[in-house]
N, C-alpha and C. Protein backbone atom coordinates (compact mmCIF):
# COMPACT_ATOMS: atom_id res chain seq x y z
N MET A 1 229.62 255.77 136.99
CA MET A 1 228.97 255.23 135.81
C MET A 1 229.46 253.82 135.51
N GLU A 2 230.77 253.61 135.64
CA GLU A 2 231.32 252.29 135.37
C GLU A 2 230.81 251.27 136.38
N LEU A 3 230.69 251.70 137.64
CA LEU A 3 230.19 250.80 138.67
C LEU A 3 228.75 250.38 138.38
N ALA A 4 227.95 251.32 137.89
CA ALA A 4 226.55 251.01 137.55
C ALA A 4 226.49 249.99 136.42
N LEU A 5 227.35 250.10 135.44
CA LEU A 5 227.37 249.14 134.35
C LEU A 5 227.82 247.76 134.83
N ILE A 6 228.78 247.72 135.73
CA ILE A 6 229.24 246.44 136.29
C ILE A 6 228.11 245.77 137.07
N VAL A 7 227.42 246.54 137.91
CA VAL A 7 226.31 245.99 138.69
C VAL A 7 225.20 245.51 137.75
N LEU A 8 224.88 246.29 136.73
CA LEU A 8 223.86 245.89 135.76
C LEU A 8 224.26 244.61 135.04
N GLY A 9 225.52 244.49 134.68
CA GLY A 9 226.02 243.27 134.04
C GLY A 9 225.91 242.06 134.94
N ILE A 10 226.22 242.23 136.22
CA ILE A 10 226.11 241.12 137.18
C ILE A 10 224.65 240.68 137.32
N ILE A 11 223.75 241.66 137.44
CA ILE A 11 222.32 241.33 137.57
C ILE A 11 221.82 240.61 136.33
N MET A 12 222.21 241.08 135.15
CA MET A 12 221.78 240.43 133.91
C MET A 12 222.34 239.02 133.81
N CYS A 13 223.57 238.81 134.26
CA CYS A 13 224.16 237.47 134.24
C CYS A 13 223.40 236.52 135.16
N VAL A 14 223.01 237.00 136.33
CA VAL A 14 222.25 236.16 137.26
C VAL A 14 220.92 235.77 136.65
N PHE A 15 220.20 236.73 136.06
CA PHE A 15 218.92 236.41 135.42
C PHE A 15 219.12 235.44 134.26
N PHE A 16 220.18 235.59 133.50
CA PHE A 16 220.45 234.70 132.38
C PHE A 16 220.74 233.29 132.87
N ILE A 17 221.48 233.16 133.96
CA ILE A 17 221.76 231.84 134.52
C ILE A 17 220.47 231.18 135.00
N ILE A 18 219.59 231.95 135.66
CA ILE A 18 218.31 231.40 136.11
C ILE A 18 217.48 230.95 134.92
N LEU A 19 217.44 231.75 133.86
CA LEU A 19 216.69 231.39 132.66
C LEU A 19 217.23 230.11 132.04
N CYS A 20 218.55 229.98 131.97
CA CYS A 20 219.16 228.78 131.41
C CYS A 20 218.81 227.55 132.24
N CYS A 21 218.80 227.68 133.55
CA CYS A 21 218.46 226.56 134.42
C CYS A 21 217.01 226.13 134.21
N GLN A 22 216.11 227.09 134.05
CA GLN A 22 214.71 226.76 133.84
C GLN A 22 214.51 226.08 132.49
N CYS A 23 215.19 226.57 131.46
CA CYS A 23 215.08 225.95 130.14
C CYS A 23 215.66 224.54 130.16
N PHE A 24 216.79 224.36 130.83
CA PHE A 24 217.40 223.04 130.93
C PHE A 24 216.48 222.09 131.67
N SER A 25 215.84 222.58 132.74
CA SER A 25 214.91 221.75 133.49
C SER A 25 213.74 221.32 132.62
N ARG A 26 213.23 222.23 131.81
CA ARG A 26 212.10 221.91 130.91
C ARG A 26 212.51 220.88 129.87
N VAL A 27 213.69 221.03 129.29
CA VAL A 27 214.17 220.09 128.28
C VAL A 27 214.37 218.72 128.90
N MET A 28 214.97 218.67 130.08
CA MET A 28 215.19 217.39 130.74
C MET A 28 213.86 216.73 131.09
N TRP A 29 212.84 217.53 131.45
CA TRP A 29 211.53 216.97 131.75
C TRP A 29 210.92 216.36 130.49
N GLU A 30 211.05 217.01 129.36
CA GLU A 30 210.46 216.51 128.12
C GLU A 30 211.09 215.19 127.70
N PHE A 31 212.36 215.00 127.97
CA PHE A 31 213.04 213.78 127.55
C PHE A 31 213.10 212.71 128.64
N SER A 32 212.53 212.99 129.79
CA SER A 32 212.57 212.00 130.86
C SER A 32 211.46 210.98 130.69
N GLU A 33 211.55 209.87 131.41
CA GLU A 33 210.54 208.83 131.33
C GLU A 33 209.23 209.26 131.99
N LYS A 34 209.30 210.18 132.94
CA LYS A 34 208.09 210.61 133.63
C LYS A 34 207.12 211.30 132.69
N SER A 35 207.62 212.00 131.69
CA SER A 35 206.73 212.73 130.79
C SER A 35 206.02 211.79 129.82
N GLU A 36 206.44 210.53 129.74
CA GLU A 36 205.81 209.58 128.83
C GLU A 36 204.59 208.91 129.43
N GLN A 37 204.33 209.14 130.70
CA GLN A 37 203.17 208.55 131.34
C GLN A 37 201.94 209.35 130.97
N PHE A 38 200.84 208.64 130.69
CA PHE A 38 199.61 209.31 130.31
C PHE A 38 198.72 209.50 131.53
N VAL A 39 197.90 210.53 131.47
CA VAL A 39 196.86 210.72 132.47
C VAL A 39 195.55 210.24 131.86
N GLU A 40 194.44 210.37 132.59
CA GLU A 40 193.18 209.78 132.17
C GLU A 40 192.70 210.25 130.81
N ASN A 41 192.88 211.51 130.46
CA ASN A 41 192.36 212.01 129.19
C ASN A 41 193.38 211.90 128.05
N ASN A 42 194.34 211.02 128.17
CA ASN A 42 195.33 210.71 127.13
C ASN A 42 196.17 211.90 126.69
N HIS A 43 196.43 212.81 127.59
CA HIS A 43 197.37 213.90 127.33
C HIS A 43 198.61 213.65 128.17
N TYR A 44 199.71 214.18 127.72
CA TYR A 44 200.93 214.02 128.49
C TYR A 44 200.82 214.78 129.81
N LYS A 45 201.48 214.24 130.80
CA LYS A 45 201.49 214.92 132.11
C LYS A 45 202.18 216.26 131.97
N ARG A 46 201.63 217.24 132.65
CA ARG A 46 202.26 218.55 132.64
C ARG A 46 203.46 218.56 133.58
N MET A 47 204.37 219.46 133.30
CA MET A 47 205.52 219.62 134.17
C MET A 47 205.05 220.18 135.51
N PRO A 48 205.53 219.62 136.61
CA PRO A 48 205.09 220.12 137.91
C PRO A 48 205.51 221.57 138.10
N PRO A 49 204.74 222.32 138.89
CA PRO A 49 205.08 223.73 139.09
C PRO A 49 206.38 223.86 139.87
N PRO A 50 207.08 224.97 139.70
CA PRO A 50 208.32 225.18 140.45
C PRO A 50 208.06 225.20 141.95
N ALA A 51 209.08 224.93 142.71
CA ALA A 51 208.92 224.83 144.16
C ALA A 51 208.60 226.18 144.79
N TYR A 52 208.89 227.27 144.12
CA TYR A 52 208.69 228.58 144.72
C TYR A 52 207.31 229.15 144.46
N VAL A 53 206.42 228.41 143.79
CA VAL A 53 205.06 228.90 143.53
C VAL A 53 204.26 228.79 144.82
N ARG A 54 203.65 229.90 145.24
CA ARG A 54 202.90 229.89 146.49
C ARG A 54 201.49 229.36 146.32
N ASN A 55 200.85 229.63 145.19
CA ASN A 55 199.47 229.22 144.98
C ASN A 55 199.46 227.79 144.46
N LYS A 56 199.42 226.82 145.37
CA LYS A 56 199.48 225.42 144.99
C LYS A 56 198.10 224.85 144.68
N GLY A 57 197.04 225.59 144.94
CA GLY A 57 195.70 225.08 144.69
C GLY A 57 195.23 225.29 143.26
N ASN A 58 195.99 226.01 142.44
CA ASN A 58 195.55 226.33 141.10
C ASN A 58 196.47 225.69 140.07
N ASN A 59 196.62 224.37 140.11
CA ASN A 59 197.46 223.65 139.16
C ASN A 59 196.61 223.19 137.99
N VAL A 60 196.51 224.00 136.97
CA VAL A 60 195.68 223.67 135.81
C VAL A 60 196.57 223.32 134.66
């Protein structure tokens, strides 16, 4: 039982670290100079999709 809790804690820590990295990446994107560039319809550029997304043809 203790081993299961330790493994669960490790898995939750890994997911939390990944979530923190994604949030940090989003915040850094919002404050970077690249996000200040406008596209044709005067909206801010969207954040590019993560590198692990397989469907690259559906960038909406």
